[in-house]
Amino acid sequence: MAAEKSTASIADFEKSLDELEKLVNDLERGELSLEQSLTAFERGVKLTRECQQSLKTAEQRVDQLVQSSDGALETKPFTPDDSA
């Protein structure tokens, strides 16, 4: 079940990112009306927040493989300030 949720969240992230890229391209072309631009911008902000949350969730799932003092390998949660 967790694998299905993970796959779905990855697909949702990619879909949101694709839509965000399309919105940016539309805005950069400058062919939208002011109202369309504002709507696209608002949607882009929402998509950006969703993508950031998805990345944060994925980051929390990352584990680090480390070697203990007795030579055994084990995993521990990754923290950005861990030195390799």
PDB file of N, CA and C in Angstrom:
ATOM      1  N   MET A   1       0.818  -1.193   0.000  1.00  0.00           N
ATOM      2  CA  MET A   1       0.000   0.000   0.000  1.00  0.00           C
ATOM      3  C   MET A   1       0.861   1.256   0.000  1.00  0.00           C
ATOM      4  N   ALA A   2       1.966   1.235   0.775  1.00  0.00           N
ATOM      5  CA  ALA A   2       2.857   2.403   0.829  1.00  0.00           C
ATOM      6  C   ALA A   2       3.517   2.653  -0.520  1.00  0.00           C
ATOM      7  N   ALA A   3       3.840   1.566  -1.234  1.00  0.00           N
ATOM      8  CA  ALA A   3       4.452   1.713  -2.558  1.00  0.00           C
ATOM      9  C   ALA A   3       3.484   2.358  -3.532  1.00  0.00           C
ATOM     10  N   GLU A   4       2.182   1.991  -3.429  1.00  0.00           N
ATOM     11  CA  GLU A   4       1.179   2.603  -4.295  1.00  0.00           C
ATOM     12  C   GLU A   4       1.063   4.097  -4.011  1.00  0.00           C
ATOM     13  N   LYS A   5       1.047   4.445  -2.725  1.00  0.00           N
ATOM     14  CA  LYS A   5       0.946   5.856  -2.352  1.00  0.00           C
ATOM     15  C   LYS A   5       2.177   6.619  -2.823  1.00  0.00           C
ATOM     16  N   SER A   6       3.350   6.007  -2.691  1.00  0.00           N
ATOM     17  CA  SER A   6       4.589   6.635  -3.134  1.00  0.00           C
ATOM     18  C   SER A   6       4.578   6.857  -4.641  1.00  0.00           C
ATOM     19  N   THR A   7       4.144   5.842  -5.384  1.00  0.00           N
ATOM     20  CA  THR A   7       4.080   5.957  -6.837  1.00  0.00           C
ATOM     21  C   THR A   7       3.080   7.032  -7.243  1.00  0.00           C
ATOM     22  N   ALA A   8       1.941   7.068  -6.549  1.00  0.00           N
ATOM     23  CA  ALA A   8       0.925   8.084  -6.847  1.00  0.00           C
ATOM     24  C   ALA A   8       1.456   9.472  -6.541  1.00  0.00           C
ATOM     25  N   SER A   9       2.165   9.636  -5.427  1.00  0.00           N
ATOM     26  CA  SER A   9       2.674  10.960  -5.081  1.00  0.00           C
ATOM     27  C   SER A   9       3.757  11.410  -6.058  1.00  0.00           C
ATOM     28  N   ILE A  10       4.557  10.479  -6.559  1.00  0.00           N
ATOM     29  CA  ILE A  10       5.565  10.822  -7.562  1.00  0.00           C
ATOM     30  C   ILE A  10       4.878  11.258  -8.849  1.00  0.00           C
ATOM     31  N   ALA A  11       3.836  10.519  -9.238  1.00  0.00           N
ATOM     32  CA  ALA A  11       3.092  10.877 -10.448  1.00  0.00           C
ATOM     33  C   ALA A  11       2.420  12.235 -10.277  1.00  0.00           C
ATOM     34  N   ASP A  12       1.853  12.483  -9.094  1.00  0.00           N
ATOM     35  CA  ASP A  12       1.220  13.777  -8.824  1.00  0.00           C
ATOM     36  C   ASP A  12       2.252  14.901  -8.876  1.00  0.00           C
ATOM     37  N   PHE A  13       3.422  14.656  -8.313  1.00  0.00           N
ATOM     38  CA  PHE A  13       4.488  15.659  -8.331  1.00  0.00           C
ATOM     39  C   PHE A  13       4.879  15.983  -9.769  1.00  0.00           C
ATOM     40  N   GLU A  14       5.090  14.938 -10.568  1.00  0.00           N
ATOM     41  CA  GLU A  14       5.501  15.147 -11.960  1.00  0.00           C
ATOM     42  C   GLU A  14       4.411  15.857 -12.756  1.00  0.00           C
ATOM     43  N   LYS A  15       3.165  15.499 -12.512  1.00  0.00           N
ATOM     44  CA  LYS A  15       2.047  16.155 -13.196  1.00  0.00           C
ATOM     45  C   LYS A  15       1.988  17.635 -12.810  1.00  0.00           C
ATOM     46  N   SER A  16       2.136  17.914 -11.512  1.00  0.00           N
ATOM     47  CA  SER A  16       2.119  19.303 -11.046  1.00  0.00           C
ATOM     48  C   SER A  16       3.282  20.096 -11.627  1.00  0.00           C
ATOM     49  N   LEU A  17       4.449  19.482 -11.674  1.00  0.00           N
ATOM     50  CA  LEU A  17       5.626  20.149 -12.226  1.00  0.00           C
ATOM     51  C   LEU A  17       5.451  20.442 -13.710  1.00  0.00           C
ATOM     52  N   ASP A  18       4.894  19.480 -14.447  1.00  0.00           N
ATOM     53  CA  ASP A  18       4.623  19.701 -15.873  1.00  0.00           C
ATOM     54  C   ASP A  18       3.638  20.856 -16.082  1.00  0.00           C
ATOM     55  N   GLU A  19       2.592  20.878 -15.266  1.00  0.00           N
ATOM     56  CA  GLU A  19       1.606  21.954 -15.382  1.00  0.00           C
ATOM     57  C   GLU A  19       2.242  23.298 -15.033  1.00  0.00           C
ATOM     58  N   LEU A  20       3.083  23.305 -14.019  1.00  0.00           N
ATOM     59  CA  LEU A  20       3.768  24.537 -13.624  1.00  0.00           C
ATOM     60  C   LEU A  20       4.669  25.040 -14.751  1.00  0.00           C
ATOM     61  N   GLU A  21       5.398  24.143 -15.390  1.00  0.00           N
ATOM     62  CA  GLU A  21       6.255  24.533 -16.514  1.00  0.00           C
ATOM     63  C   GLU A  21       5.434  25.127 -17.658  1.00  0.00           C
ATOM     64  N   LYS A  22       4.276  24.537 -17.932  1.00  0.00           N
ATOM     65  CA  LYS A  22       3.409  25.049 -18.981  1.00  0.00           C
ATOM     66  C   LYS A  22       2.906  26.452 -18.623  1.00  0.00           C
ATOM     67  N   LEU A  23       2.511  26.643 -17.369  1.00  0.00           N
ATOM     68  CA  LEU A  23       2.049  27.963 -16.929  1.00  0.00           C
ATOM     69  C   LEU A  23       3.143  29.015 -17.075  1.00  0.00           C
ATOM     70  N   VAL A  24       4.359  28.657 -16.693  1.00  0.00           N
ATOM     71  CA  VAL A  24       5.486  29.592 -16.812  1.00  0.00           C
ATOM     72  C   VAL A  24       5.709  29.960 -18.275  1.00  0.00           C
ATOM     73  N   ASN A  25       5.682  28.959 -19.142  1.00  0.00           N
ATOM     74  CA  ASN A  25       5.855  29.226 -20.578  1.00  0.00           C
ATOM     75  C   ASN A  25       4.760  30.144 -21.103  1.00  0.00           C
ATOM     76  N   ASP A  26       3.515  29.875 -20.703  1.00  0.00           N
ATOM     77  CA  ASP A  26       2.400  30.721 -21.135  1.00  0.00           C
ATOM     78  C   ASP A  26       2.586  32.156 -20.665  1.00  0.00           C
ATOM     79  N   LEU A  27       3.012  32.316 -19.418  1.00  0.00           N
ATOM     80  CA  LEU A  27       3.220  33.660 -18.878  1.00  0.00           C
ATOM     81  C   LEU A  27       4.384  34.367 -19.574  1.00  0.00           C
ATOM     82  N   GLU A  28       5.450  33.629 -19.846  1.00  0.00           N
ATOM     83  CA  GLU A  28       6.620  34.234 -20.497  1.00  0.00           C
ATOM     84  C   GLU A  28       6.331  34.683 -21.919  1.00  0.00           C
ATOM     85  N   ARG A  29       5.446  33.981 -22.615  1.00  0.00           N
ATOM     86  CA  ARG A  29       5.103  34.380 -23.981  1.00  0.00           C
ATOM     87  C   ARG A  29       4.364  35.711 -24.010  1.00  0.00           C
ATOM     88  N   GLY A  30       3.686  36.051 -22.926  1.00  0.00           N
ATOM     89  CA  GLY A  30       3.011  37.341 -22.839  1.00  0.00           C
ATOM     90  C   GLY A  30       1.751  37.466 -23.674  1.00  0.00           C
ATOM     91  N   GLU A  31       1.167  36.352 -24.041  1.00  0.00           N
ATOM     92  CA  GLU A  31      -0.016  36.387 -24.899  1.00  0.00           C
ATOM     93  C   GLU A  31      -1.318  36.274 -24.108  1.00  0.00           C
ATOM     94  N   LEU A  32      -1.230  36.152 -22.788  1.00  0.00           N
ATOM     95  CA  LEU A  32      -2.420  36.031 -21.956  1.00  0.00           C
ATOM     96  C   LEU A  32      -2.949  37.411 -21.584  1.00  0.00           C
ATOM     97  N   SER A  33      -4.248  37.473 -21.377  1.00  0.00           N
ATOM     98  CA  SER A  33      -4.828  38.724 -20.876  1.00  0.00           C
ATOM     99  C   SER A  33      -4.407  38.898 -19.413  1.00  0.00           C
ATOM    100  N   LEU A  34      -4.654  40.068 -18.873  1.00  0.00           N
ATOM    101  CA  LEU A  34      -4.298  40.322 -17.477  1.00  0.00           C
ATOM    102  C   LEU A  34      -5.009  39.331 -16.561  1.00  0.00           C
ATOM    103  N   GLU A  35      -6.287  39.124 -16.799  1.00  0.00           N
ATOM    104  CA  GLU A  35      -7.062  38.191 -15.966  1.00  0.00           C
ATOM    105  C   GLU A  35      -6.519  36.768 -16.086  1.00  0.00           C
ATOM    106  N   GLN A  36      -6.207  36.343 -17.297  1.00  0.00           N
ATOM    107  CA  GLN A  36      -5.636  35.006 -17.508  1.00  0.00           C
ATOM    108  C   GLN A  36      -4.264  34.889 -16.835  1.00  0.00           C
ATOM    109  N   SER A  37      -3.490  35.952 -16.901  1.00  0.00           N
ATOM    110  CA  SER A  37      -2.168  35.959 -16.267  1.00  0.00           C
ATOM    111  C   SER A  37      -2.286  35.830 -14.754  1.00  0.00           C
ATOM    112  N   LEU A  38      -3.226  36.558 -14.179  1.00  0.00           N
ATOM    113  CA  LEU A  38      -3.423  36.482 -12.726  1.00  0.00           C
ATOM    114  C   LEU A  38      -3.888  35.092 -12.307  1.00  0.00           C
ATOM    115  N   THR A  39      -4.799  34.518 -13.075  1.00  0.00           N
ATOM    116  CA  THR A  39      -5.279  33.160 -12.783  1.00  0.00           C
ATOM    117  C   THR A  39      -4.130  32.157 -12.900  1.00  0.00           C
ATOM    118  N   ALA A  40      -3.332  32.285 -13.938  1.00  0.00           N
ATOM    119  CA  ALA A  40      -2.186  31.386 -14.136  1.00  0.00           C
ATOM    120  C   ALA A  40      -1.169  31.552 -13.005  1.00  0.00           C
ATOM    121  N   PHE A  41      -0.931  32.792 -12.594  1.00  0.00           N
ATOM    122  CA  PHE A  41       0.010  33.053 -11.507  1.00  0.00           C
ATOM    123  C   PHE A  41      -0.485  32.411 -10.211  1.00  0.00           C
ATOM    124  N   GLU A  42      -1.767  32.595  -9.903  1.00  0.00           N
ATOM    125  CA  GLU A  42      -2.331  32.002  -8.681  1.00  0.00           C
ATOM    126  C   GLU A  42      -2.231  30.480  -8.710  1.00  0.00           C
ATOM    127  N   ARG A  43      -2.519  29.892  -9.859  1.00  0.00           N
ATOM    128  CA  ARG A  43      -2.408  28.440 -10.003  1.00  0.00           C
ATOM    129  C   ARG A  43      -0.950  28.003  -9.854  1.00  0.00           C
ATOM    130  N   GLY A  44      -0.039  28.788 -10.401  1.00  0.00           N
ATOM    131  CA  GLY A  44       1.383  28.490 -10.282  1.00  0.00           C
ATOM    132  C   GLY A  44       1.868  28.508  -8.850  1.00  0.00           C
ATOM    133  N   VAL A  45       1.389  29.476  -8.073  1.00  0.00           N
ATOM    134  CA  VAL A  45       1.758  29.544  -6.653  1.00  0.00           C
ATOM    135  C   VAL A  45       1.266  28.295  -5.925  1.00  0.00           C
ATOM    136  N   LYS A  46       0.029  27.889  -6.213  1.00  0.00           N
ATOM    137  CA  LYS A  46      -0.533  26.689  -5.581  1.00  0.00           C
ATOM    138  C   LYS A  46       0.273  25.451  -5.969  1.00  0.00           C
ATOM    139  N   LEU A  47       0.600  25.317  -7.243  1.00  0.00           N
ATOM    140  CA  LEU A  47       1.387  24.171  -7.704  1.00  0.00           C
ATOM    141  C   LEU A  47       2.777  24.161  -7.083  1.00  0.00           C
ATOM    142  N   THR A  48       3.375  25.339  -6.957  1.00  0.00           N
ATOM    143  CA  THR A  48       4.703  25.437  -6.349  1.00  0.00           C
ATOM    144  C   THR A  48       4.661  24.937  -4.907  1.00  0.00           C
ATOM    145  N   ARG A  49       3.646  25.339  -4.180  1.00  0.00           N
ATOM    146  CA  ARG A  49       3.515  24.885  -2.780  1.00  0.00           C
ATOM    147  C   ARG A  49       3.317  23.380  -2.710  1.00  0.00           C
ATOM    148  N   GLU A  50       2.490  22.836  -3.609  1.00  0.00           N
ATOM    149  CA  GLU A  50       2.278  21.388  -3.632  1.00  0.00           C
ATOM    150  C   GLU A  50       3.584  20.650  -3.940  1.00  0.00           C
ATOM    151  N   CYS A  51       4.348  21.148  -4.896  1.00  0.00           N
ATOM    152  CA  CYS A  51       5.625  20.522  -5.251  1.00  0.00           C
ATOM    153  C   CYS A  51       6.617  20.602  -4.093  1.00  0.00           C
ATOM    154  N   GLN A  52       6.668  21.746  -3.428  1.00  0.00           N
ATOM    155  CA  GLN A  52       7.570  21.890  -2.285  1.00  0.00           C
ATOM    156  C   GLN A  52       7.204  20.913  -1.180  1.00  0.00           C
ATOM    157  N   GLN A  53       5.907  20.729  -0.937  1.00  0.00           N
ATOM    158  CA  GLN A  53       5.470  19.789   0.092  1.00  0.00           C
ATOM    159  C   GLN A  53       5.827  18.359  -0.300  1.00  0.00           C
ATOM    160  N   SER A  54       5.654  18.026  -1.563  1.00  0.00           N
ATOM    161  CA  SER A  54       6.010  16.683  -2.035  1.00  0.00           C
ATOM    162  C   SER A  54       7.505  16.429  -1.861  1.00  0.00           C
ATOM    163  N   LEU A  55       8.316  17.420  -2.185  1.00  0.00           N
ATOM    164  CA  LEU A  55       9.769  17.272  -2.021  1.00  0.00           C
ATOM    165  C   LEU A  55      10.152  17.140  -0.554  1.00  0.00           C
ATOM    166  N   LYS A  56       9.498  17.894   0.295  1.00  0.00           N
ATOM    167  CA  LYS A  56       9.775  17.815   1.732  1.00  0.00           C
ATOM    168  C   LYS A  56       9.419  16.424   2.257  1.00  0.00           C
ATOM    169  N   THR A  57       8.287  15.899   1.826  1.00  0.00           N
ATOM    170  CA  THR A  57       7.869  14.557   2.239  1.00  0.00           C
ATOM    171  C   THR A  57       8.866  13.516   1.749  1.00  0.00           C
ATOM    172  N   ALA A  58       9.305  13.640   0.507  1.00  0.00           N
ATOM    173  CA  ALA A  58      10.281  12.691  -0.044  1.00  0.00           C
ATOM    174  C   ALA A  58      11.597  12.772   0.711  1.00  0.00           C
ATOM    175  N   GLU A  59      12.022  13.974   1.034  1.00  0.00           N
ATOM    176  CA  GLU A  59      13.275  14.158   1.769  1.00  0.00           C
ATOM    177  C   GLU A  59      13.213  13.477   3.129  1.00  0.00           C
ATOM    178  N   GLN A  60      12.064  13.513   3.762  1.00  0.00           N
ATOM    179  CA  GLN A  60      11.914  12.888   5.072  1.00  0.00           C
ATOM    180  C   GLN A  60      11.984  11.370   4.990  1.00  0.00           C
ATOM    181  N   ARG A  61      11.752  10.808   3.807  1.00  0.00           N
ATOM    182  CA  ARG A  61      11.782   9.363   3.634  1.00  0.00           C
ATOM    183  C   ARG A  61      13.163   8.830   3.299  1.00  0.00           C
ATOM    184  N   VAL A  62      14.103   9.696   2.999  1.00  0.00           N
ATOM    185  CA  VAL A  62      15.431   9.261   2.596  1.00  0.00           C
ATOM    186  C   VAL A  62      16.198   8.739   3.812  1.00  0.00           C
ATOM    187  N   ASP A  63      16.769   7.563   3.655  1.00  0.00           N
ATOM    188  CA  ASP A  63      17.609   6.980   4.695  1.00  0.00           C
ATOM    189  C   ASP A  63      19.050   6.953   4.221  1.00  0.00           C
ATOM    190  N   GLN A  64      19.937   6.925   5.169  1.00  0.00           N
ATOM    191  CA  GLN A  64      21.364   6.909   4.886  1.00  0.00           C
ATOM    192  C   GLN A  64      21.928   5.565   5.338  1.00  0.00           C
ATOM    193  N   LEU A  65      22.701   4.923   4.477  1.00  0.00           N
ATOM    194  CA  LEU A  65      23.349   3.668   4.820  1.00  0.00           C
ATOM    195  C   LEU A  65      24.691   3.998   5.473  1.00  0.00           C
ATOM    196  N   VAL A  66      24.891   3.523   6.692  1.00  0.00           N
ATOM    197  CA  VAL A  66      26.124   3.815   7.426  1.00  0.00           C
ATOM    198  C   VAL A  66      26.715   2.520   7.973  1.00  0.00           C
ATOM    199  N   GLN A  67      28.013   2.580   8.220  1.00  0.00           N
ATOM    200  CA  GLN A  67      28.695   1.436   8.793  1.00  0.00           C
ATOM    201  C   GLN A  67      28.909   1.720  10.280  1.00  0.00           C
ATOM    202  N   SER A  68      28.454   0.802  11.121  1.00  0.00           N
ATOM    203  CA  SER A  68      28.614   0.976  12.561  1.00  0.00           C
ATOM    204  C   SER A  68      30.038   0.628  12.978  1.00  0.00           C
ATOM    205  N   SER A  69      30.347   0.872  14.226  1.00  0.00           N
ATOM    206  CA  SER A  69      31.712   0.633  14.711  1.00  0.00           C
ATOM    207  C   SER A  69      32.115  -0.838  14.637  1.00  0.00           C
ATOM    208  N   ASP A  70      31.148  -1.763  14.655  1.00  0.00           N
ATOM    209  CA  ASP A  70      31.486  -3.184  14.547  1.00  0.00           C
ATOM    210  C   ASP A  70      31.521  -3.666  13.096  1.00  0.00           C
ATOM    211  N   GLY A  71      31.374  -2.738  12.143  1.00  0.00           N
ATOM    212  CA  GLY A  71      31.475  -3.070  10.727  1.00  0.00           C
ATOM    213  C   GLY A  71      30.159  -3.427  10.064  1.00  0.00           C
ATOM    214  N   ALA A  72      29.101  -3.535  10.845  1.00  0.00           N
ATOM    215  CA  ALA A  72      27.789  -3.877  10.277  1.00  0.00           C
ATOM    216  C   ALA A  72      27.198  -2.650   9.578  1.00  0.00           C
ATOM    217  N   LEU A  73      26.435  -2.915   8.521  1.00  0.00           N
ATOM    218  CA  LEU A  73      25.760  -1.827   7.821  1.00  0.00           C
ATOM    219  C   LEU A  73      24.361  -1.661   8.383  1.00  0.00           C
ATOM    220  N   GLU A  74      23.951  -0.427   8.556  1.00  0.00           N
ATOM    221  CA  GLU A  74      22.609  -0.139   9.044  1.00  0.00           C
ATOM    222  C   GLU A  74      22.118   1.157   8.407  1.00  0.00           C
ATOM    223  N   THR A  75      20.839   1.363   8.473  1.00  0.00           N
ATOM    224  CA  THR A  75      20.288   2.603   7.942  1.00  0.00           C
ATOM    225  C   THR A  75      19.876   3.502   9.084  1.00  0.00           C
ATOM    226  N   LYS A  76      19.971   4.784   8.839  1.00  0.00           N
ATOM    227  CA  LYS A  76      19.481   5.770   9.796  1.00  0.00           C
ATOM    228  C   LYS A  76      18.905   6.918   8.987  1.00  0.00           C
ATOM    229  N   PRO A  77      18.005   7.666   9.564  1.00  0.00           N
ATOM    230  CA  PRO A  77      17.421   8.795   8.831  1.00  0.00           C
ATOM    231  C   PRO A  77      18.498   9.783   8.411  1.00  0.00           C
ATOM    232  N   PHE A  78      18.367  10.290   7.204  1.00  0.00           N
ATOM    233  CA  PHE A  78      19.302  11.276   6.685  1.00  0.00           C
ATOM    234  C   PHE A  78      18.984  12.643   7.246  1.00  0.00           C
ATOM    235  N   THR A  79      20.003  13.339   7.676  1.00  0.00           N
ATOM    236  CA  THR A  79      19.859  14.740   8.056  1.00  0.00           C
ATOM    237  C   THR A  79      20.866  15.527   7.245  1.00  0.00           C
ATOM    238  N   PRO A  80      20.478  16.680   6.716  1.00  0.00           N
ATOM    239  CA  PRO A  80      21.355  17.444   5.831  1.00  0.00           C
ATOM    240  C   PRO A  80      22.716  17.791   6.423  1.00  0.00           C
ATOM    241  N   ASP A  81      22.823  17.898   7.740  1.00  0.00           N
ATOM    242  CA  ASP A  81      24.114  18.268   8.323  1.00  0.00           C
ATOM    243  C   ASP A  81      24.979  17.067   8.653  1.00  0.00           C
ATOM    244  N   ASP A  82      24.551  15.822   8.266  1.00  0.00           N
ATOM    245  CA  ASP A  82      25.411  14.650   8.409  1.00  0.00           C
ATOM    246  C   ASP A  82      26.573  14.744   7.449  1.00  0.00           C
ATOM    247  N   SER A  83      27.766  14.456   7.912  1.00  0.00           N
ATOM    248  CA  SER A  83      28.919  14.467   7.007  1.00  0.00           C
ATOM    249  C   SER A  83      29.101  13.080   6.434  1.00  0.00           C
ATOM    250  N   ALA A  84      29.474  13.008   5.173  1.00  0.00           N
ATOM    251  CA  ALA A  84      29.600  11.728   4.488  1.00  0.00           C
ATOM    252  C   ALA A  84      30.875  11.032   4.839  1.00  0.00           C
TER     253      ALA A  84
END
